[in-house]
Amino acid sequence: MIIGLCTVELYIPDAHSLKAKRQMLLSLKDRLRDKFNVSVAEVDEQDLWQKAVLGIACVANEGKHVNQVLDQAVNLIRSVPLVELVQFRIELL
């Protein structure tokens, strides 16, 4: 069993309140869950309006599959015009 963890740091320039930030993140997290069947949670910077850190987890039998799913998840995040991807890190356990 291979566990993949992707930590994604995001900048949300149009979020002018915590409520606006959470609405954008809720939509993004739902899209990631629906499309890739991964677990997603906001893991840091919950009190900042324009910054978010998401943790994305995936479990599979092969490391290649886990890496592919997490890469596709990062590409989906890059395609969202309302958020900017600052940095990300993928770890396989």
Protein backbone atom coordinates (compact mmCIF):
# COMPACT_ATOMS: atom_id res chain seq x y z
CA MET A 1 0.00 0.00 0.00
CA ILE A 2 1.33 3.42 -1.00
CA ILE A 3 0.12 6.64 0.59
CA GLY A 4 0.65 9.90 -1.26
CA LEU A 5 0.50 13.29 0.39
CA CYS A 6 0.48 16.56 -1.51
CA THR A 7 0.77 19.86 0.36
CA VAL A 8 -0.37 22.82 -1.74
CA GLU A 9 0.11 26.48 -0.82
CA LEU A 10 -2.38 28.83 -2.50
CA TYR A 11 -2.79 32.58 -2.85
CA ILE A 12 -6.37 33.78 -3.33
CA PRO A 13 -6.22 37.43 -4.47
CA ASP A 14 -10.00 37.99 -4.71
CA ALA A 15 -10.77 36.78 -1.17
CA HIS A 16 -11.59 39.84 0.91
CA SER A 17 -12.98 37.92 3.88
CA LEU A 18 -12.67 34.50 5.47
CA LYS A 19 -16.15 33.69 4.20
CA ALA A 20 -15.15 34.40 0.58
CA LYS A 21 -12.00 32.34 1.01
CA ARG A 22 -13.90 29.37 2.44
CA GLN A 23 -16.46 29.49 -0.38
CA MET A 24 -13.70 29.32 -3.00
CA LEU A 25 -11.91 26.53 -1.15
CA LEU A 26 -15.10 24.53 -0.66
CA SER A 27 -15.73 24.55 -4.39
CA LEU A 28 -12.12 23.56 -5.15
CA LYS A 29 -12.09 20.78 -2.54
CA ASP A 30 -15.37 19.36 -3.87
CA ARG A 31 -14.00 19.31 -7.43
CA LEU A 32 -10.85 17.50 -6.31
CA ARG A 33 -12.82 14.92 -4.32
CA ASP A 34 -15.31 14.28 -7.12
CA LYS A 35 -12.78 14.02 -9.93
CA PHE A 36 -9.91 12.14 -8.26
CA ASN A 37 -11.44 10.41 -5.21
CA VAL A 38 -8.86 11.93 -2.86
CA SER A 39 -9.11 13.31 0.66
CA VAL A 40 -8.69 17.09 0.89
CA ALA A 41 -8.51 19.42 3.87
CA GLU A 42 -7.32 22.93 4.67
CA VAL A 43 -4.39 22.19 6.98
CA ASP A 44 -2.81 25.59 7.69
CA GLU A 45 -3.31 29.36 7.44
CA GLN A 46 -7.02 29.12 8.29
CA ASP A 47 -7.06 32.62 9.78
CA LEU A 48 -5.60 34.45 6.75
CA TRP A 49 -7.93 35.80 4.07
CA GLN A 50 -5.80 35.36 0.96
CA LYS A 51 -3.60 32.39 1.81
CA ALA A 52 -4.46 28.70 2.18
CA VAL A 53 -2.61 25.44 2.59
CA LEU A 54 -4.39 22.29 1.43
CA GLY A 55 -3.44 18.72 2.19
CA ILE A 56 -4.40 16.14 -0.44
CA ALA A 57 -4.08 12.41 0.30
CA CYS A 58 -4.34 9.42 -2.01
CA VAL A 59 -3.94 5.69 -1.29
CA ALA A 60 -3.28 2.99 -3.92
CA ASN A 61 -1.31 -0.18 -4.58
CA GLU A 62 1.28 1.45 -6.86
CA GLY A 63 3.39 4.54 -6.32
CA LYS A 64 3.17 5.42 -10.01
CA HIS A 65 -0.63 5.65 -9.81
CA VAL A 66 -0.53 7.75 -6.62
CA ASN A 67 1.98 10.15 -8.18
CA GLN A 68 -0.12 10.42 -11.34
CA VAL A 69 -3.32 11.21 -9.41
CA LEU A 70 -1.62 13.88 -7.29
CA ASP A 71 0.02 15.45 -10.38
CA GLN A 72 -3.39 15.65 -12.05
CA ALA A 73 -4.87 17.21 -8.90
CA VAL A 74 -2.14 19.89 -8.94
CA ASN A 75 -2.85 20.54 -12.64
CA LEU A 76 -6.55 21.00 -11.85
CA ILE A 77 -5.65 23.54 -9.16
CA ARG A 78 -3.41 25.38 -11.65
CA SER A 79 -6.34 25.64 -14.07
CA VAL A 80 -8.58 27.46 -11.55
CA PRO A 81 -8.41 31.19 -12.37
CA LEU A 82 -9.42 32.37 -8.87
CA VAL A 83 -6.40 30.86 -7.09
CA GLU A 84 -2.66 31.03 -7.67
CA LEU A 85 -0.49 28.04 -6.88
CA VAL A 86 2.47 29.29 -4.83
CA GLN A 87 4.17 25.95 -4.23
CA PHE A 88 3.44 22.27 -3.76
CA ARG A 89 5.20 19.17 -2.47
CA ILE A 90 4.38 15.53 -3.14
CA GLU A 91 5.52 12.82 -0.75
CA LEU A 92 5.04 9.06 -1.07
CA LEU A 93 4.93 7.04 2.15
